[in-house]
Amino acid sequence: MKRSYLGEFEEIVLLTVAVLELQKQAYGVAITHEIIEQTGRSVRLNQIHSALDRLEDKGMVKSEMGEPTAERGGRRKRLFSVTAYGRRTLQEIQEVRVSFWNRLLNPLNSIGQRGWGMG
């Protein structure tokens, strides 16, 4: 299956969901706070929900309603998790980035691998 490409913001949101779902904390407000803390960028909750909706449409995340909590006045949280397809996409993105970083940091090795200057 050919994967869908992600924008940088969608990738960050998908990564954040992957990290927070381990703690059962992958919901809109927590994702927003985590992105602000980790990136220092200004994001709003509606931007996070728009990205989550796009990722859900692409089949990379799924959501379910959690139990009502007293801390939220009896309201339920919409909890997100990354699908197998989303995890595979993140893995592919990581592999591409690592390959480019390795070539950038070790230019002589990448030239040798391609056979440049070997003739």
PDB file of N, CA and C in Angstrom:
ATOM      1  N   MET A   1       0.848  -1.181   0.000  1.00  0.00           N
ATOM      2  CA  MET A   1       0.000   0.000   0.000  1.00  0.00           C
ATOM      3  C   MET A   1       0.889   1.238   0.000  1.00  0.00           C
ATOM      4  N   LYS A   2       0.566   2.171  -0.850  1.00  0.00           N
ATOM      5  CA  LYS A   2       1.301   3.424  -0.898  1.00  0.00           C
ATOM      6  C   LYS A   2       0.798   4.304   0.241  1.00  0.00           C
ATOM      7  N   ARG A   3       1.735   4.846   0.994  1.00  0.00           N
ATOM      8  CA  ARG A   3       1.305   5.620   2.157  1.00  0.00           C
ATOM      9  C   ARG A   3       0.929   7.040   1.788  1.00  0.00           C
ATOM     10  N   SER A   4       0.119   7.630   2.651  1.00  0.00           N
ATOM     11  CA  SER A   4      -0.210   9.036   2.506  1.00  0.00           C
ATOM     12  C   SER A   4       0.934   9.848   3.086  1.00  0.00           C
ATOM     13  N   TYR A   5       1.197  10.957   2.492  1.00  0.00           N
ATOM     14  CA  TYR A   5       2.234  11.828   3.011  1.00  0.00           C
ATOM     15  C   TYR A   5       1.638  12.765   4.033  1.00  0.00           C
ATOM     16  N   LEU A   6       2.450  13.069   5.017  1.00  0.00           N
ATOM     17  CA  LEU A   6       2.006  13.942   6.093  1.00  0.00           C
ATOM     18  C   LEU A   6       2.736  15.262   6.035  1.00  0.00           C
ATOM     19  N   GLY A   7       2.031  16.305   6.410  1.00  0.00           N
ATOM     20  CA  GLY A   7       2.681  17.584   6.626  1.00  0.00           C
ATOM     21  C   GLY A   7       3.432  17.520   7.945  1.00  0.00           C
ATOM     22  N   GLU A   8       4.316  18.472   8.141  1.00  0.00           N
ATOM     23  CA  GLU A   8       5.135  18.490   9.357  1.00  0.00           C
ATOM     24  C   GLU A   8       4.265  18.546  10.612  1.00  0.00           C
ATOM     25  N   PHE A   9       3.202  19.341  10.591  1.00  0.00           N
ATOM     26  CA  PHE A   9       2.356  19.470  11.778  1.00  0.00           C
ATOM     27  C   PHE A   9       1.605  18.163  12.049  1.00  0.00           C
ATOM     28  N   GLU A  10       1.099  17.534  11.004  1.00  0.00           N
ATOM     29  CA  GLU A  10       0.413  16.250  11.192  1.00  0.00           C
ATOM     30  C   GLU A  10       1.374  15.205  11.745  1.00  0.00           C
ATOM     31  N   GLU A  11       2.595  15.229  11.277  1.00  0.00           N
ATOM     32  CA  GLU A  11       3.588  14.275  11.780  1.00  0.00           C
ATOM     33  C   GLU A  11       3.821  14.495  13.272  1.00  0.00           C
ATOM     34  N   ILE A  12       3.948  15.740  13.689  1.00  0.00           N
ATOM     35  CA  ILE A  12       4.164  16.040  15.109  1.00  0.00           C
ATOM     36  C   ILE A  12       2.956  15.594  15.933  1.00  0.00           C
ATOM     37  N   VAL A  13       1.766  15.853  15.436  1.00  0.00           N
ATOM     38  CA  VAL A  13       0.556  15.436  16.164  1.00  0.00           C
ATOM     39  C   VAL A  13       0.505  13.908  16.259  1.00  0.00           C
ATOM     40  N   LEU A  14       0.816  13.214  15.161  1.00  0.00           N
ATOM     41  CA  LEU A  14       0.796  11.751  15.172  1.00  0.00           C
ATOM     42  C   LEU A  14       1.836  11.203  16.151  1.00  0.00           C
ATOM     43  N   LEU A  15       3.031  11.779  16.143  1.00  0.00           N
ATOM     44  CA  LEU A  15       4.061  11.354  17.094  1.00  0.00           C
ATOM     45  C   LEU A  15       3.620  11.600  18.534  1.00  0.00           C
ATOM     46  N   THR A  16       2.995  12.727  18.767  1.00  0.00           N
ATOM     47  CA  THR A  16       2.544  13.054  20.120  1.00  0.00           C
ATOM     48  C   THR A  16       1.475  12.076  20.582  1.00  0.00           C
ATOM     49  N   VAL A  17       0.554  11.721  19.697  1.00  0.00           N
ATOM     50  CA  VAL A  17      -0.457  10.722  20.057  1.00  0.00           C
ATOM     51  C   VAL A  17       0.231   9.406  20.417  1.00  0.00           C
ATOM     52  N   ALA A  18       1.221   8.998  19.618  1.00  0.00           N
ATOM     53  CA  ALA A  18       1.929   7.741  19.878  1.00  0.00           C
ATOM     54  C   ALA A  18       2.587   7.752  21.256  1.00  0.00           C
ATOM     55  N   VAL A  19       3.175   8.883  21.629  1.00  0.00           N
ATOM     56  CA  VAL A  19       3.850   8.980  22.930  1.00  0.00           C
ATOM     57  C   VAL A  19       2.826   9.002  24.064  1.00  0.00           C
ATOM     58  N   LEU A  20       1.786   9.810  23.911  1.00  0.00           N
ATOM     59  CA  LEU A  20       0.826   9.982  25.011  1.00  0.00           C
ATOM     60  C   LEU A  20      -0.110   8.796  25.184  1.00  0.00           C
ATOM     61  N   GLU A  21      -0.340   8.028  24.136  1.00  0.00           N
ATOM     62  CA  GLU A  21      -1.261   6.902  24.297  1.00  0.00           C
ATOM     63  C   GLU A  21      -0.666   5.842  25.222  1.00  0.00           C
ATOM     64  N   LEU A  22       0.643   5.829  25.378  1.00  0.00           N
ATOM     65  CA  LEU A  22       1.262   4.894  26.318  1.00  0.00           C
ATOM     66  C   LEU A  22       0.806   5.166  27.745  1.00  0.00           C
ATOM     67  N   GLN A  23       0.466   6.431  28.016  1.00  0.00           N
ATOM     68  CA  GLN A  23       0.026   6.840  29.356  1.00  0.00           C
ATOM     69  C   GLN A  23      -1.483   7.043  29.407  1.00  0.00           C
ATOM     70  N   LYS A  24      -2.166   6.642  28.353  1.00  0.00           N
ATOM     71  CA  LYS A  24      -3.628   6.833  28.243  1.00  0.00           C
ATOM     72  C   LYS A  24      -3.991   8.306  28.371  1.00  0.00           C
ATOM     73  N   GLN A  25      -3.118   9.173  27.810  1.00  0.00           N
ATOM     74  CA  GLN A  25      -3.329  10.618  27.910  1.00  0.00           C
ATOM     75  C   GLN A  25      -3.401  11.284  26.538  1.00  0.00           C
ATOM     76  N   ALA A  26      -3.737  10.531  25.506  1.00  0.00           N
ATOM     77  CA  ALA A  26      -3.764  11.104  24.162  1.00  0.00           C
ATOM     78  C   ALA A  26      -5.142  11.690  23.861  1.00  0.00           C
ATOM     79  N   TYR A  27      -5.406  12.857  24.410  1.00  0.00           N
ATOM     80  CA  TYR A  27      -6.637  13.595  24.120  1.00  0.00           C
ATOM     81  C   TYR A  27      -6.254  15.042  23.814  1.00  0.00           C
ATOM     82  N   GLY A  28      -7.176  15.773  23.234  1.00  0.00           N
ATOM     83  CA  GLY A  28      -6.895  17.080  22.669  1.00  0.00           C
ATOM     84  C   GLY A  28      -6.073  18.033  23.516  1.00  0.00           C
ATOM     85  N   VAL A  29      -6.511  18.282  24.742  1.00  0.00           N
ATOM     86  CA  VAL A  29      -5.816  19.257  25.591  1.00  0.00           C
ATOM     87  C   VAL A  29      -4.401  18.772  25.923  1.00  0.00           C
ATOM     88  N   ALA A  30      -4.266  17.499  26.264  1.00  0.00           N
ATOM     89  CA  ALA A  30      -2.939  16.965  26.608  1.00  0.00           C
ATOM     90  C   ALA A  30      -2.008  17.012  25.400  1.00  0.00           C
ATOM     91  N   ILE A  31      -2.530  16.699  24.228  1.00  0.00           N
ATOM     92  CA  ILE A  31      -1.717  16.754  23.006  1.00  0.00           C
ATOM     93  C   ILE A  31      -1.261  18.193  22.756  1.00  0.00           C
ATOM     94  N   THR A  32      -2.165  19.140  22.925  1.00  0.00           N
ATOM     95  CA  THR A  32      -1.837  20.559  22.743  1.00  0.00           C
ATOM     96  C   THR A  32      -0.709  20.981  23.679  1.00  0.00           C
ATOM     97  N   HIS A  33      -0.860  20.662  24.964  1.00  0.00           N
ATOM     98  CA  HIS A  33       0.161  21.039  25.949  1.00  0.00           C
ATOM     99  C   HIS A  33       1.504  20.376  25.651  1.00  0.00           C
ATOM    100  N   GLU A  34       1.474  19.121  25.251  1.00  0.00           N
ATOM    101  CA  GLU A  34       2.725  18.401  24.965  1.00  0.00           C
ATOM    102  C   GLU A  34       3.457  19.018  23.777  1.00  0.00           C
ATOM    103  N   ILE A  35       2.710  19.377  22.746  1.00  0.00           N
ATOM    104  CA  ILE A  35       3.346  19.983  21.563  1.00  0.00           C
ATOM    105  C   ILE A  35       3.933  21.345  21.906  1.00  0.00           C
ATOM    106  N   ILE A  36       3.207  22.131  22.680  1.00  0.00           N
ATOM    107  CA  ILE A  36       3.723  23.440  23.103  1.00  0.00           C
ATOM    108  C   ILE A  36       5.007  23.249  23.909  1.00  0.00           C
ATOM    109  N   GLU A  37       4.983  22.300  24.840  1.00  0.00           N
ATOM    110  CA  GLU A  37       6.143  22.063  25.705  1.00  0.00           C
ATOM    111  C   GLU A  37       7.346  21.529  24.927  1.00  0.00           C
ATOM    112  N   GLN A  38       7.115  20.622  24.007  1.00  0.00           N
ATOM    113  CA  GLN A  38       8.221  19.992  23.296  1.00  0.00           C
ATOM    114  C   GLN A  38       8.765  20.825  22.139  1.00  0.00           C
ATOM    115  N   THR A  39       7.907  21.621  21.517  1.00  0.00           N
ATOM    116  CA  THR A  39       8.352  22.368  20.342  1.00  0.00           C
ATOM    117  C   THR A  39       8.489  23.871  20.590  1.00  0.00           C
ATOM    118  N   GLY A  40       7.812  24.372  21.605  1.00  0.00           N
ATOM    119  CA  GLY A  40       7.835  25.809  21.873  1.00  0.00           C
ATOM    120  C   GLY A  40       6.971  26.606  20.912  1.00  0.00           C
ATOM    121  N   ARG A  41       6.260  25.911  20.059  1.00  0.00           N
ATOM    122  CA  ARG A  41       5.418  26.631  19.104  1.00  0.00           C
ATOM    123  C   ARG A  41       4.043  26.864  19.707  1.00  0.00           C
ATOM    124  N   SER A  42       3.400  27.876  19.199  1.00  0.00           N
ATOM    125  CA  SER A  42       2.074  28.231  19.670  1.00  0.00           C
ATOM    126  C   SER A  42       1.033  27.455  18.856  1.00  0.00           C
ATOM    127  N   VAL A  43       0.269  26.630  19.520  1.00  0.00           N
ATOM    128  CA  VAL A  43      -0.793  25.884  18.847  1.00  0.00           C
ATOM    129  C   VAL A  43      -2.080  26.018  19.649  1.00  0.00           C
ATOM    130  N   ARG A  44      -3.175  25.934  18.938  1.00  0.00           N
ATOM    131  CA  ARG A  44      -4.482  26.030  19.588  1.00  0.00           C
ATOM    132  C   ARG A  44      -5.186  24.682  19.491  1.00  0.00           C
ATOM    133  N   LEU A  45      -6.101  24.467  20.409  1.00  0.00           N
ATOM    134  CA  LEU A  45      -6.818  23.195  20.485  1.00  0.00           C
ATOM    135  C   LEU A  45      -7.553  22.884  19.181  1.00  0.00           C
ATOM    136  N   ASN A  46      -8.128  23.913  18.549  1.00  0.00           N
ATOM    137  CA  ASN A  46      -8.858  23.642  17.302  1.00  0.00           C
ATOM    138  C   ASN A  46      -7.917  23.181  16.184  1.00  0.00           C
ATOM    139  N   GLN A  47      -6.670  23.644  16.185  1.00  0.00           N
ATOM    140  CA  GLN A  47      -5.694  23.172  15.203  1.00  0.00           C
ATOM    141  C   GLN A  47      -5.365  21.698  15.441  1.00  0.00           C
ATOM    142  N   ILE A  48      -5.253  21.336  16.714  1.00  0.00           N
ATOM    143  CA  ILE A  48      -4.973  19.938  17.058  1.00  0.00           C
ATOM    144  C   ILE A  48      -6.132  19.050  16.606  1.00  0.00           C
ATOM    145  N   HIS A  49      -7.347  19.472  16.903  1.00  0.00           N
ATOM    146  CA  HIS A  49      -8.505  18.655  16.519  1.00  0.00           C
ATOM    147  C   HIS A  49      -8.641  18.550  14.995  1.00  0.00           C
ATOM    148  N   SER A  50      -8.320  19.607  14.279  1.00  0.00           N
ATOM    149  CA  SER A  50      -8.361  19.535  12.807  1.00  0.00           C
ATOM    150  C   SER A  50      -7.348  18.515  12.301  1.00  0.00           C
ATOM    151  N   ALA A  51      -6.135  18.550  12.852  1.00  0.00           N
ATOM    152  CA  ALA A  51      -5.101  17.590  12.444  1.00  0.00           C
ATOM    153  C   ALA A  51      -5.520  16.167  12.813  1.00  0.00           C
ATOM    154  N   LEU A  52      -6.085  16.002  13.999  1.00  0.00           N
ATOM    155  CA  LEU A  52      -6.541  14.665  14.419  1.00  0.00           C
ATOM    156  C   LEU A  52      -7.643  14.142  13.501  1.00  0.00           C
ATOM    157  N   ASP A  53      -8.560  15.028  13.109  1.00  0.00           N
ATOM    158  CA  ASP A  53      -9.631  14.611  12.183  1.00  0.00           C
ATOM    159  C   ASP A  53      -9.033  14.168  10.840  1.00  0.00           C
ATOM    160  N   ARG A  54      -8.045  14.918  10.331  1.00  0.00           N
ATOM    161  CA  ARG A  54      -7.402  14.539   9.066  1.00  0.00           C
ATOM    162  C   ARG A  54      -6.680  13.201   9.207  1.00  0.00           C
ATOM    163  N   LEU A  55      -5.984  13.032  10.337  1.00  0.00           N
ATOM    164  CA  LEU A  55      -5.264  11.773  10.555  1.00  0.00           C
ATOM    165  C   LEU A  55      -6.235  10.602  10.695  1.00  0.00           C
ATOM    166  N   GLU A  56      -7.379  10.850  11.294  1.00  0.00           N
ATOM    167  CA  GLU A  56      -8.385   9.792  11.427  1.00  0.00           C
ATOM    168  C   GLU A  56      -8.974   9.465  10.053  1.00  0.00           C
ATOM    169  N   ASP A  57      -9.202  10.486   9.229  1.00  0.00           N
ATOM    170  CA  ASP A  57      -9.698  10.257   7.862  1.00  0.00           C
ATOM    171  C   ASP A  57      -8.697   9.438   7.040  1.00  0.00           C
ATOM    172  N   LYS A  58      -7.412   9.641   7.292  1.00  0.00           N
ATOM    173  CA  LYS A  58      -6.362   8.911   6.577  1.00  0.00           C
ATOM    174  C   LYS A  58      -6.136   7.514   7.151  1.00  0.00           C
ATOM    175  N   GLY A  59      -6.803   7.214   8.274  1.00  0.00           N
ATOM    176  CA  GLY A  59      -6.669   5.889   8.884  1.00  0.00           C
ATOM    177  C   GLY A  59      -5.425   5.732   9.744  1.00  0.00           C
ATOM    178  N   MET A  60      -4.833   6.845  10.167  1.00  0.00           N
ATOM    179  CA  MET A  60      -3.605   6.762  10.962  1.00  0.00           C
ATOM    180  C   MET A  60      -3.851   6.835  12.458  1.00  0.00           C
ATOM    181  N   VAL A  61      -4.983   7.373  12.859  1.00  0.00           N
ATOM    182  CA  VAL A  61      -5.375   7.342  14.268  1.00  0.00           C
ATOM    183  C   VAL A  61      -6.831   6.902  14.341  1.00  0.00           C
ATOM    184  N   LYS A  62      -7.205   6.408  15.493  1.00  0.00           N
ATOM    185  CA  LYS A  62      -8.610   6.118  15.762  1.00  0.00           C
ATOM    186  C   LYS A  62      -8.939   6.728  17.115  1.00  0.00           C
ATOM    187  N   SER A  63     -10.204   6.946  17.359  1.00  0.00           N
ATOM    188  CA  SER A  63     -10.589   7.567  18.623  1.00  0.00           C
ATOM    189  C   SER A  63     -11.754   6.824  19.241  1.00  0.00           C
ATOM    190  N   GLU A  64     -11.849   6.984  20.533  1.00  0.00           N
ATOM    191  CA  GLU A  64     -12.985   6.440  21.280  1.00  0.00           C
ATOM    192  C   GLU A  64     -13.237   7.363  22.468  1.00  0.00           C
ATOM    193  N   MET A  65     -14.445   7.353  22.945  1.00  0.00           N
ATOM    194  CA  MET A  65     -14.789   8.198  24.084  1.00  0.00           C
ATOM    195  C   MET A  65     -14.405   7.472  25.368  1.00  0.00           C
ATOM    196  N   GLY A  66     -13.698   8.192  26.258  1.00  0.00           N
ATOM    197  CA  GLY A  66     -13.320   7.634  27.550  1.00  0.00           C
ATOM    198  C   GLY A  66     -14.473   7.754  28.535  1.00  0.00           C
ATOM    199  N   GLU A  67     -14.216   7.333  29.735  1.00  0.00           N
ATOM    200  CA  GLU A  67     -15.226   7.414  30.795  1.00  0.00           C
ATOM    201  C   GLU A  67     -15.345   8.853  31.294  1.00  0.00           C
ATOM    202  N   PRO A  68     -16.529   9.227  31.760  1.00  0.00           N
ATOM    203  CA  PRO A  68     -16.685  10.565  32.347  1.00  0.00           C
ATOM    204  C   PRO A  68     -15.814  10.689  33.602  1.00  0.00           C
ATOM    205  N   THR A  69     -15.247  11.872  33.784  1.00  0.00           N
ATOM    206  CA  THR A  69     -14.398  12.080  34.966  1.00  0.00           C
ATOM    207  C   THR A  69     -14.890  13.283  35.759  1.00  0.00           C
ATOM    208  N   ALA A  70     -14.671  13.215  37.060  1.00  0.00           N
ATOM    209  CA  ALA A  70     -15.083  14.317  37.939  1.00  0.00           C
ATOM    210  C   ALA A  70     -14.277  15.574  37.623  1.00  0.00           C
ATOM    211  N   GLU A  71     -12.987  15.398  37.291  1.00  0.00           N
ATOM    212  CA  GLU A  71     -12.136  16.556  37.007  1.00  0.00           C
ATOM    213  C   GLU A  71     -12.648  17.360  35.815  1.00  0.00           C
ATOM    214  N   ARG A  72     -13.415  16.724  34.942  1.00  0.00           N
ATOM    215  CA  ARG A  72     -13.964  17.395  33.763  1.00  0.00           C
ATOM    216  C   ARG A  72     -15.458  17.643  33.924  1.00  0.00           C
ATOM    217  N   GLY A  73     -15.930  17.624  35.167  1.00  0.00           N
ATOM    218  CA  GLY A  73     -17.341  17.901  35.418  1.00  0.00           C
ATOM    219  C   GLY A  73     -18.264  16.845  34.828  1.00  0.00           C
ATOM    220  N   GLY A  74     -17.777  15.618  34.780  1.00  0.00           N
ATOM    221  CA  GLY A  74     -18.589  14.519  34.267  1.00  0.00           C
ATOM    222  C   GLY A  74     -18.517  14.353  32.760  1.00  0.00           C
ATOM    223  N   ARG A  75     -17.742  15.202  32.090  1.00  0.00           N
ATOM    224  CA  ARG A  75     -17.603  15.062  30.633  1.00  0.00           C
ATOM    225  C   ARG A  75     -16.585  13.984  30.303  1.00  0.00           C
ATOM    226  N   ARG A  76     -16.736  13.426  29.134  1.00  0.00           N
ATOM    227  CA  ARG A  76     -15.829  12.380  28.683  1.00  0.00           C
ATOM    228  C   ARG A  76     -14.763  12.960  27.768  1.00  0.00           C
ATOM    229  N   LYS A  77     -13.604  12.305  27.751  1.00  0.00           N
ATOM    230  CA  LYS A  77     -12.516  12.712  26.853  1.00  0.00           C
ATOM    231  C   LYS A  77     -12.584  11.841  25.606  1.00  0.00           C
ATOM    232  N   ARG A  78     -12.214  12.431  24.473  1.00  0.00           N
ATOM    233  CA  ARG A  78     -12.053  11.667  23.241  1.00  0.00           C
ATOM    234  C   ARG A  78     -10.585  11.240  23.185  1.00  0.00           C
ATOM    235  N   LEU A  79     -10.350   9.955  23.380  1.00  0.00           N
ATOM    236  CA  LEU A  79      -8.984   9.423  23.442  1.00  0.00           C
ATOM    237  C   LEU A  79      -8.556   8.901  22.076  1.00  0.00           C
ATOM    238  N   PHE A  80      -7.327   9.189  21.714  1.00  0.00           N
ATOM    239  CA  PHE A  80      -6.799   8.800  20.404  1.00  0.00           C
ATOM    240  C   PHE A  80      -5.709   7.742  20.554  1.00  0.00           C
ATOM    241  N   SER A  81      -5.600   6.907  19.548  1.00  0.00           N
ATOM    242  CA  SER A  81      -4.496   5.941  19.477  1.00  0.00           C
ATOM    243  C   SER A  81      -4.065   5.828  18.014  1.00  0.00           C
ATOM    244  N   VAL A  82      -2.824   5.437  17.841  1.00  0.00           N
ATOM    245  CA  VAL A  82      -2.255   5.317  16.497  1.00  0.00           C
ATOM    246  C   VAL A  82      -2.560   3.922  15.967  1.00  0.00           C
ATOM    247  N   THR A  83      -3.005   3.850  14.737  1.00  0.00           N
ATOM    248  CA  THR A  83      -3.297   2.564  14.099  1.00  0.00           C
ATOM    249  C   THR A  83      -1.998   1.921  13.593  1.00  0.00           C
ATOM    250  N   ALA A  84      -2.089   0.681  13.176  1.00  0.00           N
ATOM    251  CA  ALA A  84      -0.916   0.004  12.606  1.00  0.00           C
ATOM    252  C   ALA A  84      -0.418   0.768  11.381  1.00  0.00           C
ATOM    253  N   TYR A  85      -1.320   1.257  10.572  1.00  0.00           N
ATOM    254  CA  TYR A  85      -0.951   2.048   9.395  1.00  0.00           C
ATOM    255  C   TYR A  85      -0.231   3.333   9.812  1.00  0.00           C
ATOM    256  N   GLY A  86      -0.715   3.989  10.862  1.00  0.00           N
ATOM    257  CA  GLY A  86      -0.056   5.193  11.363  1.00  0.00           C
ATOM    258  C   GLY A  86       1.341   4.896  11.871  1.00  0.00           C
ATOM    259  N   ARG A  87       1.489   3.772  12.568  1.00  0.00           N
ATOM    260  CA  ARG A  87       2.818   3.393  13.082  1.00  0.00           C
ATOM    261  C   ARG A  87       3.775   3.082  11.936  1.00  0.00           C
ATOM    262  N   ARG A  88       3.273   2.388  10.927  1.00  0.00           N
ATOM    263  CA  ARG A  88       4.107   2.069   9.768  1.00  0.00           C
ATOM    264  C   ARG A  88       4.530   3.365   9.057  1.00  0.00           C
ATOM    265  N   THR A  89       3.624   4.311   8.949  1.00  0.00           N
ATOM    266  CA  THR A  89       3.947   5.591   8.319  1.00  0.00           C
ATOM    267  C   THR A  89       5.018   6.330   9.109  1.00  0.00           C
ATOM    268  N   LEU A  90       4.889   6.351  10.441  1.00  0.00           N
ATOM    269  CA  LEU A  90       5.909   6.996  11.273  1.00  0.00           C
ATOM    270  C   LEU A  90       7.266   6.319  11.094  1.00  0.00           C
ATOM    271  N   GLN A  91       7.254   5.005  11.018  1.00  0.00           N
ATOM    272  CA  GLN A  91       8.508   4.255  10.824  1.00  0.00           C
ATOM    273  C   GLN A  91       9.153   4.627   9.492  1.00  0.00           C
ATOM    274  N   GLU A  92       8.358   4.720   8.439  1.00  0.00           N
ATOM    275  CA  GLU A  92       8.892   5.074   7.127  1.00  0.00           C
ATOM    276  C   GLU A  92       9.456   6.491   7.129  1.00  0.00           C
ATOM    277  N   ILE A  93       8.760   7.413   7.786  1.00  0.00           N
ATOM    278  CA  ILE A  93       9.243   8.795   7.884  1.00  0.00           C
ATOM    279  C   ILE A  93      10.581   8.820   8.618  1.00  0.00           C
ATOM    280  N   GLN A  94      10.667   8.079   9.716  1.00  0.00           N
ATOM    281  CA  GLN A  94      11.915   8.031  10.480  1.00  0.00           C
ATOM    282  C   GLN A  94      13.053   7.481   9.629  1.00  0.00           C
ATOM    283  N   GLU A  95      12.807   6.431   8.868  1.00  0.00           N
ATOM    284  CA  GLU A  95      13.853   5.837   8.044  1.00  0.00           C
ATOM    285  C   GLU A  95      14.367   6.814   6.988  1.00  0.00           C
ATOM    286  N   VAL A  96      13.462   7.548   6.373  1.00  0.00           N
ATOM    287  CA  VAL A  96      13.871   8.532   5.366  1.00  0.00           C
ATOM    288  C   VAL A  96      14.718   9.625   6.008  1.00  0.00           C
ATOM    289  N   ARG A  97      14.263  10.114   7.155  1.00  0.00           N
ATOM    290  CA  ARG A  97      15.006  11.180   7.836  1.00  0.00           C
ATOM    291  C   ARG A  97      16.386  10.708   8.296  1.00  0.00           C
ATOM    292  N   VAL A  98      16.439   9.518   8.867  1.00  0.00           N
ATOM    293  CA  VAL A  98      17.726   8.981   9.327  1.00  0.00           C
ATOM    294  C   VAL A  98      18.685   8.825   8.149  1.00  0.00           C
ATOM    295  N   SER A  99      18.179   8.362   7.022  1.00  0.00           N
ATOM    296  CA  SER A  99      19.020   8.203   5.843  1.00  0.00           C
ATOM    297  C   SER A  99      19.603   9.545   5.405  1.00  0.00           C
ATOM    298  N   PHE A 100      18.777  10.568   5.355  1.00  0.00           N
ATOM    299  CA  PHE A 100      19.276  11.891   4.970  1.00  0.00           C
ATOM    300  C   PHE A 100      20.271  12.427   5.989  1.00  0.00           C
ATOM    301  N   TRP A 101      19.987  12.257   7.289  1.00  0.00           N
ATOM    302  CA  TRP A 101      20.908  12.746   8.325  1.00  0.00           C
ATOM    303  C   TRP A 101      22.236  12.012   8.252  1.00  0.00           C
ATOM    304  N   ASN A 102      22.181  10.710   8.016  1.00  0.00           N
ATOM    305  CA  ASN A 102      23.430   9.957   7.882  1.00  0.00           C
ATOM    306  C   ASN A 102      24.244  10.453   6.696  1.00  0.00           C
ATOM    307  N   ARG A 103      23.586  10.730   5.601  1.00  0.00           N
ATOM    308  CA  ARG A 103      24.293  11.246   4.423  1.00  0.00           C
ATOM    309  C   ARG A 103      24.860  12.634   4.683  1.00  0.00           C
ATOM    310  N   LEU A 104      24.113  13.460   5.427  1.00  0.00           N
ATOM    311  CA  LEU A 104      24.582  14.803   5.748  1.00  0.00           C
ATOM    312  C   LEU A 104      25.782  14.758   6.686  1.00  0.00           C
ATOM    313  N   LEU A 105      25.708  13.904   7.688  1.00  0.00           N
ATOM    314  CA  LEU A 105      26.768  13.840   8.693  1.00  0.00           C
ATOM    315  C   LEU A 105      27.978  13.028   8.231  1.00  0.00           C
ATOM    316  N   ASN A 106      27.777  12.150   7.282  1.00  0.00           N
ATOM    317  CA  ASN A 106      28.860  11.303   6.771  1.00  0.00           C
ATOM    318  C   ASN A 106      28.882  11.357   5.248  1.00  0.00           C
ATOM    319  N   PRO A 107      29.167  12.527   4.690  1.00  0.00           N
ATOM    320  CA  PRO A 107      29.065  12.665   3.231  1.00  0.00           C
ATOM    321  C   PRO A 107      29.993  11.732   2.470  1.00  0.00           C
ATOM    322  N   LEU A 108      31.159  11.434   3.025  1.00  0.00           N
ATOM    323  CA  LEU A 108      32.084  10.551   2.311  1.00  0.00           C
ATOM    324  C   LEU A 108      31.538   9.142   2.209  1.00  0.00           C
ATOM    325  N   ASN A 109      30.870   8.681   3.260  1.00  0.00           N
ATOM    326  CA  ASN A 109      30.280   7.347   3.217  1.00  0.00           C
ATOM    327  C   ASN A 109      29.178   7.256   2.172  1.00  0.00           C
ATOM    328  N   SER A 110      28.340   8.302   2.071  1.00  0.00           N
ATOM    329  CA  SER A 110      27.236   8.246   1.111  1.00  0.00           C
ATOM    330  C   SER A 110      27.762   8.322  -0.319  1.00  0.00           C
ATOM    331  N   ILE A 111      28.872   9.043  -0.530  1.00  0.00           N
ATOM    332  CA  ILE A 111      29.460   9.097  -1.870  1.00  0.00           C
ATOM    333  C   ILE A 111      30.004   7.726  -2.234  1.00  0.00           C
ATOM    334  N   GLY A 112      30.689   7.087  -1.272  1.00  0.00           N
ATOM    335  CA  GLY A 112      31.231   5.765  -1.527  1.00  0.00           C
ATOM    336  C   GLY A 112      30.146   4.745  -1.812  1.00  0.00           C
ATOM    337  N   GLN A 113      28.999   4.852  -1.131  1.00  0.00           N
ATOM    338  CA  GLN A 113      27.911   3.916  -1.341  1.00  0.00           C
ATOM    339  C   GLN A 113      27.304   4.060  -2.726  1.00  0.00           C
ATOM    340  N   ARG A 114      27.339   5.251  -3.254  1.00  0.00           N
ATOM    341  CA  ARG A 114      26.749   5.501  -4.565  1.00  0.00           C
ATOM    342  C   ARG A 114      27.749   5.287  -5.703  1.00  0.00           C
ATOM    343  N   GLY A 115      29.004   5.157  -5.355  1.00  0.00           N
ATOM    344  CA  GLY A 115      30.000   4.937  -6.378  1.00  0.00           C
ATOM    345  C   GLY A 115      30.499   6.220  -7.034  1.00  0.00           C
ATOM    346  N   TRP A 116      30.163   7.376  -6.429  1.00  0.00           N
ATOM    347  CA  TRP A 116      30.631   8.621  -7.019  1.00  0.00           C
ATOM    348  C   TRP A 116      32.127   8.719  -6.855  1.00  0.00           C
ATOM    349  N   GLY A 117      32.799   9.187  -7.844  1.00  0.00           N
ATOM    350  CA  GLY A 117      34.225   9.405  -7.775  1.00  0.00           C
ATOM    351  C   GLY A 117      35.031   8.113  -7.741  1.00  0.00           C
ATOM    352  N   MET A 118      34.376   7.014  -7.985  1.00  0.00           N
ATOM    353  CA  MET A 118      35.073   5.738  -7.918  1.00  0.00           C
ATOM    354  C   MET A 118      35.585   5.312  -9.293  1.00  0.00           C
ATOM    355  N   GLY A 119      35.390   6.102 -10.294  1.00  0.00           N
ATOM    356  CA  GLY A 119      35.772   5.659 -11.618  1.00  0.00           C
ATOM    357  C   GLY A 119      37.031   6.214 -12.051  1.00  0.00           C
TER     358      GLY A 119
END
